[in-house]
PDB file of N, CA and C in Angstrom:
ATOM      1  N   MET A   1      -3.052  81.000  32.817  1.00  0.00           N
ATOM      2  CA  MET A   1      -2.773  80.899  34.541  1.00  0.00           C
ATOM      3  C   MET A   1      -2.238  79.557  34.586  1.00  0.00           C
ATOM      4  N   LYS A   2      -1.580  79.168  35.456  1.00  0.00           N
ATOM      5  CA  LYS A   2      -1.090  77.874  35.779  1.00  0.00           C
ATOM      6  C   LYS A   2      -2.290  77.837  36.966  1.00  0.00           C
ATOM      7  N   GLY A   3      -1.855  76.044  36.789  1.00  0.00           N
ATOM      8  CA  GLY A   3      -2.971  75.533  37.734  1.00  0.00           C
ATOM      9  C   GLY A   3      -2.104  75.899  39.605  1.00  0.00           C
ATOM     10  N   ILE A   4      -1.312  76.004  39.432  1.00  0.00           N
ATOM     11  CA  ILE A   4      -0.651  76.044  40.962  1.00  0.00           C
ATOM     12  C   ILE A   4      -0.806  77.890  41.342  1.00  0.00           C
ATOM     13  N   ASP A   5      -1.097  78.444  40.649  1.00  0.00           N
ATOM     14  CA  ASP A   5      -1.502  79.744  40.520  1.00  0.00           C
ATOM     15  C   ASP A   5      -3.002  80.024  40.988  1.00  0.00           C
ATOM     16  N   CYS A   6      -3.845  79.254  40.286  1.00  0.00           N
ATOM     17  CA  CYS A   6      -5.198  79.398  40.639  1.00  0.00           C
ATOM     18  C   CYS A   6      -5.282  78.496  42.106  1.00  0.00           C
ATOM     19  N   VAL A   7      -4.337  77.376  42.586  1.00  0.00           N
ATOM     20  CA  VAL A   7      -4.665  77.014  43.855  1.00  0.00           C
ATOM     21  C   VAL A   7      -4.508  77.986  45.095  1.00  0.00           C
ATOM     22  N   GLN A   8      -3.454  78.663  44.342  1.00  0.00           N
ATOM     23  CA  GLN A   8      -2.886  79.990  45.809  1.00  0.00           C
ATOM     24  C   GLN A   8      -3.372  80.727  45.806  1.00  0.00           C
ATOM     25  N   ALA A   9      -4.117  81.136  45.006  1.00  0.00           N
ATOM     26  CA  ALA A   9      -4.962  82.428  44.764  1.00  0.00           C
ATOM     27  C   ALA A   9      -6.425  82.267  45.719  1.00  0.00           C
ATOM     28  N   ALA A  10      -6.758  81.005  45.165  1.00  0.00           N
ATOM     29  CA  ALA A  10      -8.315  80.326  46.307  1.00  0.00           C
ATOM     30  C   ALA A  10      -7.780  80.067  47.576  1.00  0.00           C
ATOM     31  N   LEU A  11      -6.448  79.416  48.068  1.00  0.00           N
ATOM     32  CA  LEU A  11      -6.439  79.751  49.701  1.00  0.00           C
ATOM     33  C   LEU A  11      -6.071  80.758  50.028  1.00  0.00           C
ATOM     34  N   THR A  12      -5.676  81.772  49.458  1.00  0.00           N
ATOM     35  CA  THR A  12      -5.616  82.931  50.099  1.00  0.00           C
ATOM     36  C   THR A  12      -6.657  83.700  50.574  1.00  0.00           C
ATOM     37  N   ALA A  13      -7.777  83.347  49.338  1.00  0.00           N
ATOM     38  CA  ALA A  13      -9.340  83.861  49.194  1.00  0.00           C
ATOM     39  C   ALA A  13      -9.738  83.486  50.574  1.00  0.00           C
ATOM     40  N   VAL A  14      -9.320  82.049  50.603  1.00  0.00           N
ATOM     41  CA  VAL A  14     -10.263  80.976  51.944  1.00  0.00           C
ATOM     42  C   VAL A  14      -9.733  81.834  53.227  1.00  0.00           C
ATOM     43  N   ALA A  15      -8.542  82.022  53.512  1.00  0.00           N
ATOM     44  CA  ALA A  15      -7.772  82.475  54.341  1.00  0.00           C
ATOM     45  C   ALA A  15      -8.508  83.477  54.898  1.00  0.00           C
ATOM     46  N   GLN A  16      -9.018  84.470  53.760  1.00  0.00           N
ATOM     47  CA  GLN A  16      -9.428  86.168  54.301  1.00  0.00           C
ATOM     48  C   GLN A  16     -10.976  86.120  54.755  1.00  0.00           C
ATOM     49  N   ALA A  17     -11.574  85.074  54.307  1.00  0.00           N
ATOM     50  CA  ALA A  17     -12.939  85.289  53.861  1.00  0.00           C
ATOM     51  C   ALA A  17     -13.755  84.932  54.821  1.00  0.00           C
ATOM     52  N   ASP A  18     -14.630  85.442  55.611  1.00  0.00           N
ATOM     53  CA  ASP A  18     -15.394  84.413  56.689  1.00  0.00           C
ATOM     54  C   ASP A  18     -17.275  84.211  56.509  1.00  0.00           C
ATOM     55  N   SER A  19     -17.664  84.433  54.877  1.00  0.00           N
ATOM     56  CA  SER A  19     -18.559  83.550  54.429  1.00  0.00           C
ATOM     57  C   SER A  19     -18.185  83.720  52.800  1.00  0.00           C
ATOM     58  N   LEU A  20     -19.504  82.976  52.042  1.00  0.00           N
ATOM     59  CA  LEU A  20     -19.227  82.432  50.837  1.00  0.00           C
ATOM     60  C   LEU A  20     -19.630  83.390  49.858  1.00  0.00           C
ATOM     61  N   SER A  21     -20.158  84.639  50.458  1.00  0.00           N
ATOM     62  CA  SER A  21     -19.937  85.985  49.583  1.00  0.00           C
ATOM     63  C   SER A  21     -18.642  86.760  49.577  1.00  0.00           C
ATOM     64  N   ASP A  22     -18.717  86.898  50.908  1.00  0.00           N
ATOM     65  CA  ASP A  22     -16.980  87.371  50.720  1.00  0.00           C
ATOM     66  C   ASP A  22     -16.058  86.858  49.951  1.00  0.00           C
ATOM     67  N   LEU A  23     -15.970  85.575  49.916  1.00  0.00           N
ATOM     68  CA  LEU A  23     -15.324  84.403  49.401  1.00  0.00           C
ATOM     69  C   LEU A  23     -15.171  84.913  47.824  1.00  0.00           C
ATOM     70  N   LEU A  24     -16.205  85.002  47.367  1.00  0.00           N
ATOM     71  CA  LEU A  24     -16.490  85.235  45.898  1.00  0.00           C
ATOM     72  C   LEU A  24     -16.078  86.580  45.330  1.00  0.00           C
ATOM     73  N   TYR A  25     -16.370  87.298  46.035  1.00  0.00           N
ATOM     74  CA  TYR A  25     -16.183  89.070  46.208  1.00  0.00           C
ATOM     75  C   TYR A  25     -14.330  88.856  46.209  1.00  0.00           C
ATOM     76  N   ARG A  26     -13.609  88.214  46.967  1.00  0.00           N
ATOM     77  CA  ARG A  26     -12.273  88.151  47.016  1.00  0.00           C
ATOM     78  C   ARG A  26     -11.849  87.004  45.482  1.00  0.00           C
ATOM     79  N   CYS A  27     -12.370  86.369  45.206  1.00  0.00           N
ATOM     80  CA  CYS A  27     -12.275  85.795  44.034  1.00  0.00           C
ATOM     81  C   CYS A  27     -11.928  86.622  42.887  1.00  0.00           C
ATOM     82  N   VAL A  28     -13.412  87.484  42.689  1.00  0.00           N
ATOM     83  CA  VAL A  28     -13.179  87.940  41.482  1.00  0.00           C
ATOM     84  C   VAL A  28     -12.223  89.263  41.570  1.00  0.00           C
ATOM     85  N   GLN A  29     -11.566  89.433  42.562  1.00  0.00           N
ATOM     86  CA  GLN A  29     -11.015  91.082  43.151  1.00  0.00           C
ATOM     87  C   GLN A  29      -9.283  90.585  42.401  1.00  0.00           C
ATOM     88  N   PHE A  30      -9.030  89.147  42.171  1.00  0.00           N
ATOM     89  CA  PHE A  30      -7.715  88.865  41.899  1.00  0.00           C
ATOM     90  C   PHE A  30      -7.915  88.944  40.174  1.00  0.00           C
ATOM     91  N   CYS A  31      -8.978  88.730  39.658  1.00  0.00           N
ATOM     92  CA  CYS A  31      -9.066  88.947  37.903  1.00  0.00           C
ATOM     93  C   CYS A  31      -8.221  87.827  37.460  1.00  0.00           C
ATOM     94  N   GLY A  32      -8.022  87.845  36.301  1.00  0.00           N
ATOM     95  CA  GLY A  32      -7.474  86.494  35.609  1.00  0.00           C
ATOM     96  C   GLY A  32      -8.279  85.136  35.414  1.00  0.00           C
ATOM     97  N   ASP A  33      -8.096  84.258  36.043  1.00  0.00           N
ATOM     98  CA  ASP A  33      -8.810  83.116  36.047  1.00  0.00           C
ATOM     99  C   ASP A  33     -10.014  82.837  36.701  1.00  0.00           C
ATOM    100  N   VAL A  34     -10.545  83.862  37.146  1.00  0.00           N
ATOM    101  CA  VAL A  34     -11.486  83.928  38.379  1.00  0.00           C
ATOM    102  C   VAL A  34     -12.442  82.592  38.664  1.00  0.00           C
ATOM    103  N   ASP A  35     -13.234  82.201  37.090  1.00  0.00           N
ATOM    104  CA  ASP A  35     -14.264  80.976  37.651  1.00  0.00           C
ATOM    105  C   ASP A  35     -13.190  80.127  38.432  1.00  0.00           C
ATOM    106  N   THR A  36     -12.129  79.421  37.624  1.00  0.00           N
ATOM    107  CA  THR A  36     -11.649  78.512  38.319  1.00  0.00           C
ATOM    108  C   THR A  36     -11.063  78.655  39.590  1.00  0.00           C
ATOM    109  N   VAL A  37     -10.711  79.566  40.089  1.00  0.00           N
ATOM    110  CA  VAL A  37     -10.133  80.413  41.205  1.00  0.00           C
ATOM    111  C   VAL A  37     -11.046  80.070  42.036  1.00  0.00           C
ATOM    112  N   ALA A  38     -12.489  80.799  41.872  1.00  0.00           N
ATOM    113  CA  ALA A  38     -13.958  80.617  42.916  1.00  0.00           C
ATOM    114  C   ALA A  38     -14.026  79.405  42.747  1.00  0.00           C
ATOM    115  N   ALA A  39     -13.967  78.103  41.944  1.00  0.00           N
ATOM    116  CA  ALA A  39     -14.571  76.890  41.771  1.00  0.00           C
ATOM    117  C   ALA A  39     -13.999  76.340  42.906  1.00  0.00           C
ATOM    118  N   ILE A  40     -12.720  76.192  43.157  1.00  0.00           N
ATOM    119  CA  ILE A  40     -11.609  75.584  44.326  1.00  0.00           C
ATOM    120  C   ILE A  40     -12.118  76.271  45.558  1.00  0.00           C
ATOM    121  N   ALA A  41     -11.649  77.586  45.445  1.00  0.00           N
ATOM    122  CA  ALA A  41     -12.492  78.331  46.453  1.00  0.00           C
ATOM    123  C   ALA A  41     -13.472  77.765  47.721  1.00  0.00           C
ATOM    124  N   VAL A  42     -14.384  77.845  46.641  1.00  0.00           N
ATOM    125  CA  VAL A  42     -15.907  77.285  47.372  1.00  0.00           C
ATOM    126  C   VAL A  42     -16.027  75.925  47.541  1.00  0.00           C
ATOM    127  N   ALA A  43     -15.430  75.356  47.061  1.00  0.00           N
ATOM    128  CA  ALA A  43     -15.213  74.054  47.308  1.00  0.00           C
ATOM    129  C   ALA A  43     -14.356  73.511  47.976  1.00  0.00           C
ATOM    130  N   ALA A  44     -13.676  74.329  48.551  1.00  0.00           N
ATOM    131  CA  ALA A  44     -12.722  74.152  49.620  1.00  0.00           C
ATOM    132  C   ALA A  44     -13.300  74.751  51.231  1.00  0.00           C
ATOM    133  N   ALA A  45     -14.091  75.791  50.886  1.00  0.00           N
ATOM    134  CA  ALA A  45     -14.626  76.692  52.060  1.00  0.00           C
ATOM    135  C   ALA A  45     -16.067  75.958  52.656  1.00  0.00           C
ATOM    136  N   SER A  46     -16.658  75.167  51.740  1.00  0.00           N
ATOM    137  CA  SER A  46     -17.829  75.155  51.785  1.00  0.00           C
ATOM    138  C   SER A  46     -18.409  74.251  52.709  1.00  0.00           C
ATOM    139  N   THR A  47     -17.421  73.440  53.151  1.00  0.00           N
ATOM    140  CA  THR A  47     -17.424  72.341  54.327  1.00  0.00           C
ATOM    141  C   THR A  47     -16.942  72.915  55.944  1.00  0.00           C
ATOM    142  N   SER A  48     -16.176  74.319  55.699  1.00  0.00           N
ATOM    143  CA  SER A  48     -15.714  74.883  56.756  1.00  0.00           C
ATOM    144  C   SER A  48     -16.862  74.962  57.813  1.00  0.00           C
ATOM    145  N   ARG A  49     -16.854  75.155  59.226  1.00  0.00           N
ATOM    146  CA  ARG A  49     -17.652  75.436  60.007  1.00  0.00           C
ATOM    147  C   ARG A  49     -17.932  77.233  60.312  1.00  0.00           C
ATOM    148  N   HIS A  50     -16.749  77.450  59.856  1.00  0.00           N
ATOM    149  CA  HIS A  50     -15.886  78.835  60.053  1.00  0.00           C
ATOM    150  C   HIS A  50     -16.419  80.129  59.288  1.00  0.00           C
ATOM    151  N   ILE A  51     -16.644  79.550  57.701  1.00  0.00           N
ATOM    152  CA  ILE A  51     -17.525  80.392  56.587  1.00  0.00           C
ATOM    153  C   ILE A  51     -19.194  80.181  56.777  1.00  0.00           C
ATOM    154  N   ASP A  52     -19.112  81.345  56.504  1.00  0.00           N
ATOM    155  CA  ASP A  52     -20.618  81.371  56.589  1.00  0.00           C
ATOM    156  C   ASP A  52     -21.476  81.088  55.055  1.00  0.00           C
ATOM    157  N   ARG A  53     -22.480  80.097  55.301  1.00  0.00           N
ATOM    158  CA  ARG A  53     -22.735  79.681  53.881  1.00  0.00           C
ATOM    159  C   ARG A  53     -23.946  80.737  53.647  1.00  0.00           C
ATOM    160  N   ASP A  54     -23.827  81.901  52.763  1.00  0.00           N
ATOM    161  CA  ASP A  54     -24.269  82.976  52.551  1.00  0.00           C
ATOM    162  C   ASP A  54     -25.115  83.434  51.233  1.00  0.00           C
ATOM    163  N   VAL A  55     -24.540  82.739  50.418  1.00  0.00           N
ATOM    164  CA  VAL A  55     -24.249  82.499  48.905  1.00  0.00           C
ATOM    165  C   VAL A  55     -26.165  83.148  48.531  1.00  0.00           C
ATOM    166  N   PRO A  56     -25.770  84.371  47.750  1.00  0.00           N
ATOM    167  CA  PRO A  56     -27.728  84.748  47.226  1.00  0.00           C
ATOM    168  C   PRO A  56     -28.039  84.122  46.397  1.00  0.00           C
ATOM    169  N   THR A  57     -29.851  83.814  46.748  1.00  0.00           N
ATOM    170  CA  THR A  57     -30.452  82.746  46.267  1.00  0.00           C
ATOM    171  C   THR A  57     -30.258  82.955  44.756  1.00  0.00           C
ATOM    172  N   VAL A  58     -30.378  84.260  44.130  1.00  0.00           N
ATOM    173  CA  VAL A  58     -30.587  84.622  43.102  1.00  0.00           C
ATOM    174  C   VAL A  58     -29.443  83.469  42.075  1.00  0.00           C
ATOM    175  N   LEU A  59     -28.183  83.406  42.664  1.00  0.00           N
ATOM    176  CA  LEU A  59     -27.281  82.894  42.227  1.00  0.00           C
ATOM    177  C   LEU A  59     -27.333  81.153  42.344  1.00  0.00           C
ATOM    178  N   ARG A  60     -27.921  81.091  42.866  1.00  0.00           N
ATOM    179  CA  ARG A  60     -28.732  79.501  42.860  1.00  0.00           C
ATOM    180  C   ARG A  60     -29.350  79.187  41.977  1.00  0.00           C
ATOM    181  N   ASP A  61     -30.190  80.091  42.293  1.00  0.00           N
ATOM    182  CA  ASP A  61     -31.564  79.632  41.474  1.00  0.00           C
ATOM    183  C   ASP A  61     -31.769  79.872  40.061  1.00  0.00           C
ATOM    184  N   GLY A  62     -30.358  80.915  39.576  1.00  0.00           N
ATOM    185  CA  GLY A  62     -30.121  81.297  38.043  1.00  0.00           C
ATOM    186  C   GLY A  62     -29.644  80.339  37.811  1.00  0.00           C
ATOM    187  N   LEU A  63     -29.080  79.570  38.108  1.00  0.00           N
ATOM    188  CA  LEU A  63     -28.076  78.700  37.233  1.00  0.00           C
ATOM    189  C   LEU A  63     -28.997  77.977  36.136  1.00  0.00           C
ATOM    190  N   GLU A  64     -28.379  77.626  34.814  1.00  0.00           N
ATOM    191  CA  GLU A  64     -28.888  76.672  34.287  1.00  0.00           C
ATOM    192  C   GLU A  64     -29.044  75.127  34.741  1.00  0.00           C
ATOM    193  N   ASN A  65     -29.592  74.477  34.373  1.00  0.00           N
ATOM    194  CA  ASN A  65     -30.045  72.855  34.622  1.00  0.00           C
ATOM    195  C   ASN A  65     -29.426  72.011  33.535  1.00  0.00           C
ATOM    196  N   GLY A  66     -28.890  72.016  32.989  1.00  0.00           N
ATOM    197  CA  GLY A  66     -28.177  70.845  31.647  1.00  0.00           C
ATOM    198  C   GLY A  66     -27.542  70.258  32.458  1.00  0.00           C
ATOM    199  N   PRO A  67     -26.621  68.986  31.656  1.00  0.00           N
ATOM    200  CA  PRO A  67     -26.314  67.775  32.654  1.00  0.00           C
ATOM    201  C   PRO A  67     -25.241  68.369  33.629  1.00  0.00           C
ATOM    202  N   PHE A  68     -24.686  69.285  33.269  1.00  0.00           N
ATOM    203  CA  PHE A  68     -24.078  69.696  34.299  1.00  0.00           C
ATOM    204  C   PHE A  68     -24.252  70.870  34.497  1.00  0.00           C
ATOM    205  N   GLY A  69     -25.786  71.452  35.337  1.00  0.00           N
ATOM    206  CA  GLY A  69     -26.584  72.070  35.499  1.00  0.00           C
ATOM    207  C   GLY A  69     -26.576  72.146  37.260  1.00  0.00           C
ATOM    208  N   ARG A  70     -27.530  72.880  37.583  1.00  0.00           N
ATOM    209  CA  ARG A  70     -27.287  72.793  39.451  1.00  0.00           C
ATOM    210  C   ARG A  70     -27.694  71.221  39.801  1.00  0.00           C
ATOM    211  N   ASP A  71     -28.540  70.686  39.365  1.00  0.00           N
ATOM    212  CA  ASP A  71     -28.913  69.487  40.080  1.00  0.00           C
ATOM    213  C   ASP A  71     -27.579  68.598  40.009  1.00  0.00           C
ATOM    214  N   HIS A  72     -26.769  68.637  39.068  1.00  0.00           N
ATOM    215  CA  HIS A  72     -25.691  67.914  39.406  1.00  0.00           C
ATOM    216  C   HIS A  72     -24.479  68.632  40.230  1.00  0.00           C
ATOM    217  N   LEU A  73     -24.576  69.832  40.275  1.00  0.00           N
ATOM    218  CA  LEU A  73     -23.961  70.394  41.688  1.00  0.00           C
ATOM    219  C   LEU A  73     -24.573  70.417  42.844  1.00  0.00           C
ATOM    220  N   ILE A  74     -25.799  70.061  42.802  1.00  0.00           N
ATOM    221  CA  ILE A  74     -25.947  69.756  44.358  1.00  0.00           C
ATOM    222  C   ILE A  74     -26.012  68.246  44.185  1.00  0.00           C
ATOM    223  N   ALA A  75     -25.988  67.371  43.570  1.00  0.00           N
ATOM    224  CA  ALA A  75     -25.402  65.947  43.854  1.00  0.00           C
ATOM    225  C   ALA A  75     -23.999  65.920  44.188  1.00  0.00           C
ATOM    226  N   LEU A  76     -23.139  66.936  43.312  1.00  0.00           N
ATOM    227  CA  LEU A  76     -21.506  66.556  43.890  1.00  0.00           C
ATOM    228  C   LEU A  76     -21.087  67.054  45.241  1.00  0.00           C
ATOM    229  N   ASP A  77     -22.267  68.306  45.748  1.00  0.00           N
ATOM    230  CA  ASP A  77     -22.229  68.895  47.166  1.00  0.00           C
ATOM    231  C   ASP A  77     -22.369  68.366  47.845  1.00  0.00           C
ATOM    232  N   GLU A  78     -23.623  67.256  47.706  1.00  0.00           N
ATOM    233  CA  GLU A  78     -23.950  66.358  48.662  1.00  0.00           C
ATOM    234  C   GLU A  78     -23.372  65.392  48.988  1.00  0.00           C
ATOM    235  N   LYS A  79     -22.732  64.588  48.011  1.00  0.00           N
ATOM    236  CA  LYS A  79     -20.823  63.887  47.995  1.00  0.00           C
ATOM    237  C   LYS A  79     -19.972  64.176  48.696  1.00  0.00           C
ATOM    238  N   LEU A  80     -19.993  65.370  48.632  1.00  0.00           N
ATOM    239  CA  LEU A  80     -19.023  66.172  49.107  1.00  0.00           C
ATOM    240  C   LEU A  80     -18.941  66.359  50.686  1.00  0.00           C
ATOM    241  N   LEU A  81     -20.364  66.478  51.291  1.00  0.00           N
ATOM    242  CA  LEU A  81     -20.817  66.754  52.474  1.00  0.00           C
ATOM    243  C   LEU A  81     -20.287  65.503  52.768  1.00  0.00           C
ATOM    244  N   ARG A  82     -20.880  64.425  52.888  1.00  0.00           N
ATOM    245  CA  ARG A  82     -20.982  62.487  53.435  1.00  0.00           C
ATOM    246  C   ARG A  82     -19.091  62.750  53.501  1.00  0.00           C
ATOM    247  N   PHE A  83     -18.551  63.355  52.190  1.00  0.00           N
ATOM    248  CA  PHE A  83     -17.423  62.669  52.374  1.00  0.00           C
ATOM    249  C   PHE A  83     -16.650  63.160  53.832  1.00  0.00           C
ATOM    250  N   ALA A  84     -16.915  64.813  53.607  1.00  0.00           N
ATOM    251  CA  ALA A  84     -16.444  65.515  55.097  1.00  0.00           C
ATOM    252  C   ALA A  84     -16.487  64.930  55.915  1.00  0.00           C
ATOM    253  N   ASP A  85     -18.052  64.460  56.488  1.00  0.00           N
ATOM    254  CA  ASP A  85     -18.650  63.958  57.818  1.00  0.00           C
ATOM    255  C   ASP A  85     -17.732  62.354  57.886  1.00  0.00           C
ATOM    256  N   LEU A  86     -17.134  61.952  57.097  1.00  0.00           N
ATOM    257  CA  LEU A  86     -16.292  60.737  56.836  1.00  0.00           C
ATOM    258  C   LEU A  86     -15.189  60.839  57.568  1.00  0.00           C
ATOM    259  N   VAL A  87     -14.500  61.941  57.333  1.00  0.00           N
ATOM    260  CA  VAL A  87     -12.609  62.568  57.780  1.00  0.00           C
ATOM    261  C   VAL A  87     -13.010  62.814  58.921  1.00  0.00           C
TER     262      VAL A  87
END
């Protein structure tokens, strides 16, 4: 799958979803490179006030915590939110 295809699929899913759980479901329905599509879509949607942040706890708590695991993702999320507040 080409990068532009992943971005187009991610933006399509974001435009149709009203929550992060719905967004993840829509990304998986596309098939193909769903992890890349979901990563782009969730990153794009996570700062939106129109998208409910309802990711199930099991998805967060079940993440491994290696060098690029849960703590790393939490730190990236905090940086993104700080940047979004500046824009």
